[in-house]
Amino acid sequence: SEVKGFGRQKGHTELYRGAEYVVDF
């Protein structure tokens, strides 16, 4: 199954069109 989640990693930040946002899962 394709799933989404996080552990100790706690997601990461990405840049999209100059704006930074957090990817939680």
mmCIF file of all heavy atoms, coordinates in Angstrom:
data_MODEL
# 
_entry.id   MODEL 
# 
loop_
_atom_site.group_PDB 
_atom_site.id 
_atom_site.type_symbol 
_atom_site.label_atom_id 
_atom_site.label_alt_id 
_atom_site.label_comp_id 
_atom_site.label_asym_id 
_atom_site.label_entity_id 
_atom_site.label_seq_id 
_atom_site.pdbx_PDB_ins_code 
_atom_site.Cartn_x 
_atom_site.Cartn_y 
_atom_site.Cartn_z 
_atom_site.occupancy 
_atom_site.B_iso_or_equiv 
_atom_site.pdbx_formal_charge 
_atom_site.auth_seq_id 
_atom_site.auth_comp_id 
_atom_site.auth_asym_id 
_atom_site.auth_atom_id 
_atom_site.pdbx_PDB_model_num 
ATOM 1   N N   . SER A 1 1  ? 0.852  -1.199 0.000   1.00 0.00 ? 1  SER A N   1 
ATOM 2   C CA  . SER A 1 1  ? 0.000  0.000  0.000   1.00 0.00 ? 1  SER A CA  1 
ATOM 3   C C   . SER A 1 1  ? 0.879  1.237  0.000   1.00 0.00 ? 1  SER A C   1 
ATOM 4   O O   . SER A 1 1  ? 1.935  1.249  0.623   1.00 0.00 ? 1  SER A O   1 
ATOM 5   C CB  . SER A 1 1  ? -0.880 0.049  1.253   1.00 0.00 ? 1  SER A CB  1 
ATOM 6   O OG  . SER A 1 1  ? -1.618 -1.126 1.421   1.00 0.00 ? 1  SER A OG  1 
ATOM 7   N N   . GLU A 1 2  ? 0.429  2.269  -0.699  1.00 0.00 ? 2  GLU A N   1 
ATOM 8   C CA  . GLU A 1 2  ? 1.107  3.561  -0.620  1.00 0.00 ? 2  GLU A CA  1 
ATOM 9   C C   . GLU A 1 2  ? 0.486  4.307  0.555   1.00 0.00 ? 2  GLU A C   1 
ATOM 10  O O   . GLU A 1 2  ? -0.733 4.490  0.605   1.00 0.00 ? 2  GLU A O   1 
ATOM 11  C CB  . GLU A 1 2  ? 0.913  4.345  -1.907  1.00 0.00 ? 2  GLU A CB  1 
ATOM 12  C CG  . GLU A 1 2  ? 1.622  3.720  -3.093  1.00 0.00 ? 2  GLU A CG  1 
ATOM 13  C CD  . GLU A 1 2  ? 1.432  4.494  -4.380  1.00 0.00 ? 2  GLU A CD  1 
ATOM 14  O OE1 . GLU A 1 2  ? 0.821  5.593  -4.352  1.00 0.00 ? 2  GLU A OE1 1 
ATOM 15  O OE2 . GLU A 1 2  ? 1.883  4.001  -5.419  1.00 0.00 ? 2  GLU A OE2 1 
ATOM 16  N N   . VAL A 1 3  ? 1.314  4.703  1.501   1.00 0.00 ? 3  VAL A N   1 
ATOM 17  C CA  . VAL A 1 3  ? 0.833  5.383  2.701   1.00 0.00 ? 3  VAL A CA  1 
ATOM 18  C C   . VAL A 1 3  ? 1.643  6.647  2.931   1.00 0.00 ? 3  VAL A C   1 
ATOM 19  O O   . VAL A 1 3  ? 2.643  6.890  2.262   1.00 0.00 ? 3  VAL A O   1 
ATOM 20  C CB  . VAL A 1 3  ? 0.925  4.462  3.943   1.00 0.00 ? 3  VAL A CB  1 
ATOM 21  C CG1 . VAL A 1 3  ? 0.014  3.247  3.792   1.00 0.00 ? 3  VAL A CG1 1 
ATOM 22  C CG2 . VAL A 1 3  ? 2.346  4.022  4.206   1.00 0.00 ? 3  VAL A CG2 1 
ATOM 23  N N   . LYS A 1 4  ? 1.210  7.459  3.874   1.00 0.00 ? 4  LYS A N   1 
ATOM 24  C CA  . LYS A 1 4  ? 1.953  8.654  4.279   1.00 0.00 ? 4  LYS A CA  1 
ATOM 25  C C   . LYS A 1 4  ? 2.053  8.660  5.784   1.00 0.00 ? 4  LYS A C   1 
ATOM 26  O O   . LYS A 1 4  ? 1.143  8.235  6.477   1.00 0.00 ? 4  LYS A O   1 
ATOM 27  C CB  . LYS A 1 4  ? 1.242  9.922  3.807   1.00 0.00 ? 4  LYS A CB  1 
ATOM 28  C CG  . LYS A 1 4  ? 1.248  10.093 2.312   1.00 0.00 ? 4  LYS A CG  1 
ATOM 29  C CD  . LYS A 1 4  ? 0.601  11.382 1.931   1.00 0.00 ? 4  LYS A CD  1 
ATOM 30  C CE  . LYS A 1 4  ? 0.613  11.536 0.420   1.00 0.00 ? 4  LYS A CE  1 
ATOM 31  N NZ  . LYS A 1 4  ? 0.220  12.875 0.031   1.00 0.00 ? 4  LYS A NZ  1 
ATOM 32  N N   . GLY A 1 5  ? 3.160  9.146  6.290   1.00 0.00 ? 5  GLY A N   1 
ATOM 33  C CA  . GLY A 1 5  ? 3.327  9.216  7.736   1.00 0.00 ? 5  GLY A CA  1 
ATOM 34  C C   . GLY A 1 5  ? 4.653  9.853  8.093   1.00 0.00 ? 5  GLY A C   1 
ATOM 35  O O   . GLY A 1 5  ? 5.396  10.305 7.229   1.00 0.00 ? 5  GLY A O   1 
ATOM 36  N N   . PHE A 1 6  ? 4.942  9.862  9.382   1.00 0.00 ? 6  PHE A N   1 
ATOM 37  C CA  . PHE A 1 6  ? 6.232  10.362 9.840   1.00 0.00 ? 6  PHE A CA  1 
ATOM 38  C C   . PHE A 1 6  ? 6.558  9.744  11.180  1.00 0.00 ? 6  PHE A C   1 
ATOM 39  O O   . PHE A 1 6  ? 5.682  9.306  11.911  1.00 0.00 ? 6  PHE A O   1 
ATOM 40  C CB  . PHE A 1 6  ? 6.271  11.888 9.926   1.00 0.00 ? 6  PHE A CB  1 
ATOM 41  C CG  . PHE A 1 6  ? 5.368  12.470 10.982  1.00 0.00 ? 6  PHE A CG  1 
ATOM 42  C CD1 . PHE A 1 6  ? 5.816  12.667 12.277  1.00 0.00 ? 6  PHE A CD1 1 
ATOM 43  C CD2 . PHE A 1 6  ? 4.066  12.826 10.672  1.00 0.00 ? 6  PHE A CD2 1 
ATOM 44  C CE1 . PHE A 1 6  ? 4.986  13.206 13.243  1.00 0.00 ? 6  PHE A CE1 1 
ATOM 45  C CE2 . PHE A 1 6  ? 3.232  13.367 11.625  1.00 0.00 ? 6  PHE A CE2 1 
ATOM 46  C CZ  . PHE A 1 6  ? 3.685  13.557 12.920  1.00 0.00 ? 6  PHE A CZ  1 
ATOM 47  N N   . GLY A 1 7  ? 7.818  9.668  11.478  1.00 0.00 ? 7  GLY A N   1 
ATOM 48  C CA  . GLY A 1 7  ? 8.305  9.194  12.771  1.00 0.00 ? 7  GLY A CA  1 
ATOM 49  C C   . GLY A 1 7  ? 9.185  10.269 13.351  1.00 0.00 ? 7  GLY A C   1 
ATOM 50  O O   . GLY A 1 7  ? 8.793  11.432 13.408  1.00 0.00 ? 7  GLY A O   1 
ATOM 51  N N   . ARG A 1 8  ? 10.384 9.895  13.716  1.00 0.00 ? 8  ARG A N   1 
ATOM 52  C CA  . ARG A 1 8  ? 11.337 10.879 14.241  1.00 0.00 ? 8  ARG A CA  1 
ATOM 53  C C   . ARG A 1 8  ? 11.707 11.911 13.198  1.00 0.00 ? 8  ARG A C   1 
ATOM 54  O O   . ARG A 1 8  ? 12.153 12.995 13.517  1.00 0.00 ? 8  ARG A O   1 
ATOM 55  C CB  . ARG A 1 8  ? 12.600 10.164 14.711  1.00 0.00 ? 8  ARG A CB  1 
ATOM 56  C CG  . ARG A 1 8  ? 12.371 9.331  15.929  1.00 0.00 ? 8  ARG A CG  1 
ATOM 57  C CD  . ARG A 1 8  ? 13.670 8.738  16.406  1.00 0.00 ? 8  ARG A CD  1 
ATOM 58  N NE  . ARG A 1 8  ? 13.418 7.882  17.557  1.00 0.00 ? 8  ARG A NE  1 
ATOM 59  C CZ  . ARG A 1 8  ? 14.249 6.978  17.988  1.00 0.00 ? 8  ARG A CZ  1 
ATOM 60  N NH1 . ARG A 1 8  ? 15.405 6.801  17.377  1.00 0.00 ? 8  ARG A NH1 1 
ATOM 61  N NH2 . ARG A 1 8  ? 13.948 6.248  19.028  1.00 0.00 ? 8  ARG A NH2 1 
ATOM 62  N N   . GLN A 1 9  ? 11.516 11.558 11.952  1.00 0.00 ? 9  GLN A N   1 
ATOM 63  C CA  . GLN A 1 9  ? 11.853 12.431 10.839  1.00 0.00 ? 9  GLN A CA  1 
ATOM 64  C C   . GLN A 1 9  ? 11.067 13.748 10.905  1.00 0.00 ? 9  GLN A C   1 
ATOM 65  O O   . GLN A 1 9  ? 11.557 14.790 10.506  1.00 0.00 ? 9  GLN A O   1 
ATOM 66  C CB  . GLN A 1 9  ? 11.503 11.685 9.556   1.00 0.00 ? 9  GLN A CB  1 
ATOM 67  C CG  . GLN A 1 9  ? 12.226 12.124 8.344   1.00 0.00 ? 9  GLN A CG  1 
ATOM 68  C CD  . GLN A 1 9  ? 11.927 11.194 7.178   1.00 0.00 ? 9  GLN A CD  1 
ATOM 69  O OE1 . GLN A 1 9  ? 11.272 10.163 7.320   1.00 0.00 ? 9  GLN A OE1 1 
ATOM 70  N NE2 . GLN A 1 9  ? 12.402 11.543 6.015   1.00 0.00 ? 9  GLN A NE2 1 
ATOM 71  N N   . LYS A 1 10 ? 9.847  13.688 11.375  1.00 0.00 ? 10 LYS A N   1 
ATOM 72  C CA  . LYS A 1 10 ? 8.972  14.861 11.548  1.00 0.00 ? 10 LYS A CA  1 
ATOM 73  C C   . LYS A 1 10 ? 8.749  15.669 10.272  1.00 0.00 ? 10 LYS A C   1 
ATOM 74  O O   . LYS A 1 10 ? 8.558  16.860 10.310  1.00 0.00 ? 10 LYS A O   1 
ATOM 75  C CB  . LYS A 1 10 ? 9.536  15.793 12.626  1.00 0.00 ? 10 LYS A CB  1 
ATOM 76  C CG  . LYS A 1 10 ? 9.697  15.155 13.982  1.00 0.00 ? 10 LYS A CG  1 
ATOM 77  C CD  . LYS A 1 10 ? 8.386  15.101 14.720  1.00 0.00 ? 10 LYS A CD  1 
ATOM 78  C CE  . LYS A 1 10 ? 8.562  14.806 16.182  1.00 0.00 ? 10 LYS A CE  1 
ATOM 79  N NZ  . LYS A 1 10 ? 8.725  13.402 16.511  1.00 0.00 ? 10 LYS A NZ  1 
ATOM 80  N N   . GLY A 1 11 ? 8.787  15.031 9.129   1.00 0.00 ? 11 GLY A N   1 
ATOM 81  C CA  . GLY A 1 11 ? 8.531  15.732 7.877   1.00 0.00 ? 11 GLY A CA  1 
ATOM 82  C C   . GLY A 1 11 ? 9.720  16.585 7.468   1.00 0.00 ? 11 GLY A C   1 
ATOM 83  O O   . GLY A 1 11 ? 10.808 16.465 8.008   1.00 0.00 ? 11 GLY A O   1 
ATOM 84  N N   . HIS A 1 12 ? 9.491  17.474 6.501   1.00 0.00 ? 12 HIS A N   1 
ATOM 85  C CA  . HIS A 1 12 ? 10.551 18.364 6.049   1.00 0.00 ? 12 HIS A CA  1 
ATOM 86  C C   . HIS A 1 12 ? 9.944  19.593 5.394   1.00 0.00 ? 12 HIS A C   1 
ATOM 87  O O   . HIS A 1 12 ? 8.747  19.652 5.148   1.00 0.00 ? 12 HIS A O   1 
ATOM 88  C CB  . HIS A 1 12 ? 11.483 17.632 5.071   1.00 0.00 ? 12 HIS A CB  1 
ATOM 89  C CG  . HIS A 1 12 ? 10.800 17.180 3.818   1.00 0.00 ? 12 HIS A CG  1 
ATOM 90  N ND1 . HIS A 1 12 ? 10.103 15.996 3.741   1.00 0.00 ? 12 HIS A ND1 1 
ATOM 91  C CD2 . HIS A 1 12 ? 10.703 17.754 2.597   1.00 0.00 ? 12 HIS A CD2 1 
ATOM 92  C CE1 . HIS A 1 12 ? 9.602  15.860 2.520   1.00 0.00 ? 12 HIS A CE1 1 
ATOM 93  N NE2 . HIS A 1 12 ? 9.942  16.910 1.810   1.00 0.00 ? 12 HIS A NE2 1 
ATOM 94  N N   . THR A 1 13 ? 10.770 20.610 5.121   1.00 0.00 ? 13 THR A N   1 
ATOM 95  C CA  . THR A 1 13 ? 10.285 21.823 4.464   1.00 0.00 ? 13 THR A CA  1 
ATOM 96  C C   . THR A 1 13 ? 10.669 21.782 2.986   1.00 0.00 ? 13 THR A C   1 
ATOM 97  O O   . THR A 1 13 ? 11.708 21.247 2.611   1.00 0.00 ? 13 THR A O   1 
ATOM 98  C CB  . THR A 1 13 ? 10.884 23.089 5.118   1.00 0.00 ? 13 THR A CB  1 
ATOM 99  O OG1 . THR A 1 13 ? 12.298 23.008 5.044   1.00 0.00 ? 13 THR A OG1 1 
ATOM 100 C CG2 . THR A 1 13 ? 10.443 23.225 6.551   1.00 0.00 ? 13 THR A CG2 1 
ATOM 101 N N   . GLU A 1 14 ? 9.797  22.342 2.165   1.00 0.00 ? 14 GLU A N   1 
ATOM 102 C CA  . GLU A 1 14 ? 10.052 22.428 0.734   1.00 0.00 ? 14 GLU A CA  1 
ATOM 103 C C   . GLU A 1 14 ? 9.748  23.831 0.259   1.00 0.00 ? 14 GLU A C   1 
ATOM 104 O O   . GLU A 1 14 ? 8.998  24.573 0.901   1.00 0.00 ? 14 GLU A O   1 
ATOM 105 C CB  . GLU A 1 14 ? 9.177  21.433 -0.035  1.00 0.00 ? 14 GLU A CB  1 
ATOM 106 C CG  . GLU A 1 14 ? 9.595  19.999 0.118   1.00 0.00 ? 14 GLU A CG  1 
ATOM 107 C CD  . GLU A 1 14 ? 8.841  19.050 -0.792  1.00 0.00 ? 14 GLU A CD  1 
ATOM 108 O OE1 . GLU A 1 14 ? 8.041  19.530 -1.636  1.00 0.00 ? 14 GLU A OE1 1 
ATOM 109 O OE2 . GLU A 1 14 ? 9.059  17.838 -0.675  1.00 0.00 ? 14 GLU A OE2 1 
ATOM 110 N N   . LEU A 1 15 ? 10.318 24.188 -0.864  1.00 0.00 ? 15 LEU A N   1 
ATOM 111 C CA  . LEU A 1 15 ? 10.055 25.483 -1.472  1.00 0.00 ? 15 LEU A CA  1 
ATOM 112 C C   . LEU A 1 15 ? 9.143  25.292 -2.670  1.00 0.00 ? 15 LEU A C   1 
ATOM 113 O O   . LEU A 1 15 ? 9.374  24.403 -3.497  1.00 0.00 ? 15 LEU A O   1 
ATOM 114 C CB  . LEU A 1 15 ? 11.373 26.111 -1.951  1.00 0.00 ? 15 LEU A CB  1 
ATOM 115 C CG  . LEU A 1 15 ? 11.732 27.408 -1.227  1.00 0.00 ? 15 LEU A CG  1 
ATOM 116 C CD1 . LEU A 1 15 ? 12.560 27.065 -0.027  1.00 0.00 ? 15 LEU A CD1 1 
ATOM 117 C CD2 . LEU A 1 15 ? 12.410 28.339 -2.161  1.00 0.00 ? 15 LEU A CD2 1 
ATOM 118 N N   . TYR A 1 16 ? 8.100  26.099 -2.767  1.00 0.00 ? 16 TYR A N   1 
ATOM 119 C CA  . TYR A 1 16 ? 7.203  26.053 -3.912  1.00 0.00 ? 16 TYR A CA  1 
ATOM 120 C C   . TYR A 1 16 ? 6.898  27.483 -4.321  1.00 0.00 ? 16 TYR A C   1 
ATOM 121 O O   . TYR A 1 16 ? 6.330  28.256 -3.542  1.00 0.00 ? 16 TYR A O   1 
ATOM 122 C CB  . TYR A 1 16 ? 5.916  25.302 -3.566  1.00 0.00 ? 16 TYR A CB  1 
ATOM 123 C CG  . TYR A 1 16 ? 4.928  25.242 -4.706  1.00 0.00 ? 16 TYR A CG  1 
ATOM 124 C CD1 . TYR A 1 16 ? 5.177  24.430 -5.809  1.00 0.00 ? 16 TYR A CD1 1 
ATOM 125 C CD2 . TYR A 1 16 ? 3.775  26.005 -4.694  1.00 0.00 ? 16 TYR A CD2 1 
ATOM 126 C CE1 . TYR A 1 16 ? 4.291  24.372 -6.868  1.00 0.00 ? 16 TYR A CE1 1 
ATOM 127 C CE2 . TYR A 1 16 ? 2.874  25.951 -5.745  1.00 0.00 ? 16 TYR A CE2 1 
ATOM 128 C CZ  . TYR A 1 16 ? 3.138  25.134 -6.829  1.00 0.00 ? 16 TYR A CZ  1 
ATOM 129 O OH  . TYR A 1 16 ? 2.259  25.085 -7.883  1.00 0.00 ? 16 TYR A OH  1 
ATOM 130 N N   . ARG A 1 17 ? 7.324  27.862 -5.517  1.00 0.00 ? 17 ARG A N   1 
ATOM 131 C CA  . ARG A 1 17 ? 7.139  29.229 -6.031  1.00 0.00 ? 17 ARG A CA  1 
ATOM 132 C C   . ARG A 1 17 ? 7.628  30.278 -5.033  1.00 0.00 ? 17 ARG A C   1 
ATOM 133 O O   . ARG A 1 17 ? 6.960  31.274 -4.768  1.00 0.00 ? 17 ARG A O   1 
ATOM 134 C CB  . ARG A 1 17 ? 5.685  29.469 -6.399  1.00 0.00 ? 17 ARG A CB  1 
ATOM 135 C CG  . ARG A 1 17 ? 5.237  28.607 -7.556  1.00 0.00 ? 17 ARG A CG  1 
ATOM 136 C CD  . ARG A 1 17 ? 3.871  28.990 -8.023  1.00 0.00 ? 17 ARG A CD  1 
ATOM 137 N NE  . ARG A 1 17 ? 3.485  28.152 -9.154  1.00 0.00 ? 17 ARG A NE  1 
ATOM 138 C CZ  . ARG A 1 17 ? 2.359  28.305 -9.811  1.00 0.00 ? 17 ARG A CZ  1 
ATOM 139 N NH1 . ARG A 1 17 ? 1.508  29.239 -9.460  1.00 0.00 ? 17 ARG A NH1 1 
ATOM 140 N NH2 . ARG A 1 17 ? 2.091  27.527 -10.826 1.00 0.00 ? 17 ARG A NH2 1 
ATOM 141 N N   . GLY A 1 18 ? 8.754  30.000 -4.458  1.00 0.00 ? 18 GLY A N   1 
ATOM 142 C CA  . GLY A 1 18 ? 9.375  30.959 -3.547  1.00 0.00 ? 18 GLY A CA  1 
ATOM 143 C C   . GLY A 1 18 ? 8.854  30.929 -2.122  1.00 0.00 ? 18 GLY A C   1 
ATOM 144 O O   . GLY A 1 18 ? 9.405  31.589 -1.243  1.00 0.00 ? 18 GLY A O   1 
ATOM 145 N N   . ALA A 1 19 ? 7.793  30.183 -1.873  1.00 0.00 ? 19 ALA A N   1 
ATOM 146 C CA  . ALA A 1 19 ? 7.233  30.094 -0.519  1.00 0.00 ? 19 ALA A CA  1 
ATOM 147 C C   . ALA A 1 19 ? 7.668  28.775 0.116   1.00 0.00 ? 19 ALA A C   1 
ATOM 148 O O   . ALA A 1 19 ? 7.646  27.727 -0.527  1.00 0.00 ? 19 ALA A O   1 
ATOM 149 C CB  . ALA A 1 19 ? 5.714  30.184 -0.557  1.00 0.00 ? 19 ALA A CB  1 
ATOM 150 N N   . GLU A 1 20 ? 8.053  28.838 1.372   1.00 0.00 ? 20 GLU A N   1 
ATOM 151 C CA  . GLU A 1 20 ? 8.465  27.636 2.092   1.00 0.00 ? 20 GLU A CA  1 
ATOM 152 C C   . GLU A 1 20 ? 7.264  27.064 2.827   1.00 0.00 ? 20 GLU A C   1 
ATOM 153 O O   . GLU A 1 20 ? 6.486  27.802 3.428   1.00 0.00 ? 20 GLU A O   1 
ATOM 154 C CB  . GLU A 1 20 ? 9.559  28.015 3.094   1.00 0.00 ? 20 GLU A CB  1 
ATOM 155 C CG  . GLU A 1 20 ? 10.313 26.838 3.648   1.00 0.00 ? 20 GLU A CG  1 
ATOM 156 C CD  . GLU A 1 20 ? 11.477 27.268 4.516   1.00 0.00 ? 20 GLU A CD  1 
ATOM 157 O OE1 . GLU A 1 20 ? 12.582 27.472 3.986   1.00 0.00 ? 20 GLU A OE1 1 
ATOM 158 O OE2 . GLU A 1 20 ? 11.247 27.416 5.733   1.00 0.00 ? 20 GLU A OE2 1 
ATOM 159 N N   . TYR A 1 21 ? 7.100  25.768 2.740   1.00 0.00 ? 21 TYR A N   1 
ATOM 160 C CA  . TYR A 1 21 ? 6.019  25.131 3.486   1.00 0.00 ? 21 TYR A CA  1 
ATOM 161 C C   . TYR A 1 21 ? 6.493  23.804 4.041   1.00 0.00 ? 21 TYR A C   1 
ATOM 162 O O   . TYR A 1 21 ? 7.438  23.207 3.546   1.00 0.00 ? 21 TYR A O   1 
ATOM 163 C CB  . TYR A 1 21 ? 4.752  24.975 2.639   1.00 0.00 ? 21 TYR A CB  1 
ATOM 164 C CG  . TYR A 1 21 ? 4.881  24.030 1.480   1.00 0.00 ? 21 TYR A CG  1 
ATOM 165 C CD1 . TYR A 1 21 ? 4.414  22.723 1.571   1.00 0.00 ? 21 TYR A CD1 1 
ATOM 166 C CD2 . TYR A 1 21 ? 5.462  24.432 0.279   1.00 0.00 ? 21 TYR A CD2 1 
ATOM 167 C CE1 . TYR A 1 21 ? 4.528  21.843 0.521   1.00 0.00 ? 21 TYR A CE1 1 
ATOM 168 C CE2 . TYR A 1 21 ? 5.577  23.551 -0.785  1.00 0.00 ? 21 TYR A CE2 1 
ATOM 169 C CZ  . TYR A 1 21 ? 5.108  22.271 -0.656  1.00 0.00 ? 21 TYR A CZ  1 
ATOM 170 O OH  . TYR A 1 21 ? 5.235  21.401 -1.707  1.00 0.00 ? 21 TYR A OH  1 
ATOM 171 N N   . VAL A 1 22 ? 5.799  23.332 5.089   1.00 0.00 ? 22 VAL A N   1 
ATOM 172 C CA  . VAL A 1 22 ? 6.194  22.104 5.775   1.00 0.00 ? 22 VAL A CA  1 
ATOM 173 C C   . VAL A 1 22 ? 5.394  20.928 5.232   1.00 0.00 ? 22 VAL A C   1 
ATOM 174 O O   . VAL A 1 22 ? 4.169  21.003 5.113   1.00 0.00 ? 22 VAL A O   1 
ATOM 175 C CB  . VAL A 1 22 ? 5.965  22.230 7.303   1.00 0.00 ? 22 VAL A CB  1 
ATOM 176 C CG1 . VAL A 1 22 ? 6.291  20.920 8.002   1.00 0.00 ? 22 VAL A CG1 1 
ATOM 177 C CG2 . VAL A 1 22 ? 6.806  23.360 7.865   1.00 0.00 ? 22 VAL A CG2 1 
ATOM 178 N N   . VAL A 1 23 ? 6.088  19.852 4.876   1.00 0.00 ? 23 VAL A N   1 
ATOM 179 C CA  . VAL A 1 23 ? 5.438  18.617 4.465   1.00 0.00 ? 23 VAL A CA  1 
ATOM 180 C C   . VAL A 1 23 ? 5.462  17.694 5.679   1.00 0.00 ? 23 VAL A C   1 
ATOM 181 O O   . VAL A 1 23 ? 6.512  17.180 6.052   1.00 0.00 ? 23 VAL A O   1 
ATOM 182 C CB  . VAL A 1 23 ? 6.186  17.965 3.272   1.00 0.00 ? 23 VAL A CB  1 
ATOM 183 C CG1 . VAL A 1 23 ? 5.546  16.637 2.902   1.00 0.00 ? 23 VAL A CG1 1 
ATOM 184 C CG2 . VAL A 1 23 ? 6.226  18.907 2.090   1.00 0.00 ? 23 VAL A CG2 1 
ATOM 185 N N   . ASP A 1 24 ? 4.312  17.561 6.342   1.00 0.00 ? 24 ASP A N   1 
ATOM 186 C CA  . ASP A 1 24 ? 4.241  16.777 7.577   1.00 0.00 ? 24 ASP A CA  1 
ATOM 187 C C   . ASP A 1 24 ? 4.292  15.273 7.322   1.00 0.00 ? 24 ASP A C   1 
ATOM 188 O O   . ASP A 1 24 ? 4.914  14.543 8.074   1.00 0.00 ? 24 ASP A O   1 
ATOM 189 C CB  . ASP A 1 24 ? 2.945  17.083 8.344   1.00 0.00 ? 24 ASP A CB  1 
ATOM 190 C CG  . ASP A 1 24 ? 2.976  18.470 8.951   1.00 0.00 ? 24 ASP A CG  1 
ATOM 191 O OD1 . ASP A 1 24 ? 4.073  18.972 9.228   1.00 0.00 ? 24 ASP A OD1 1 
ATOM 192 O OD2 . ASP A 1 24 ? 1.890  19.038 9.150   1.00 0.00 ? 24 ASP A OD2 1 
ATOM 193 N N   . PHE A 1 25 ? 3.603  14.829 6.312   1.00 0.00 ? 25 PHE A N   1 
ATOM 194 C CA  . PHE A 1 25 ? 3.505  13.400 6.054   1.00 0.00 ? 25 PHE A CA  1 
ATOM 195 C C   . PHE A 1 25 ? 4.350  13.026 4.848   1.00 0.00 ? 25 PHE A C   1 
ATOM 196 O O   . PHE A 1 25 ? 4.158  13.543 3.755   1.00 0.00 ? 25 PHE A O   1 
ATOM 197 C CB  . PHE A 1 25 ? 2.044  12.989 5.839   1.00 0.00 ? 25 PHE A CB  1 
ATOM 198 C CG  . PHE A 1 25 ? 1.213  13.171 7.069   1.00 0.00 ? 25 PHE A CG  1 
ATOM 199 C CD1 . PHE A 1 25 ? 0.372  14.256 7.210   1.00 0.00 ? 25 PHE A CD1 1 
ATOM 200 C CD2 . PHE A 1 25 ? 1.295  12.261 8.102   1.00 0.00 ? 25 PHE A CD2 1 
ATOM 201 C CE1 . PHE A 1 25 ? -0.386 14.420 8.350   1.00 0.00 ? 25 PHE A CE1 1 
ATOM 202 C CE2 . PHE A 1 25 ? 0.546  12.417 9.252   1.00 0.00 ? 25 PHE A CE2 1 
ATOM 203 C CZ  . PHE A 1 25 ? -0.296 13.496 9.376   1.00 0.00 ? 25 PHE A CZ  1 
# 
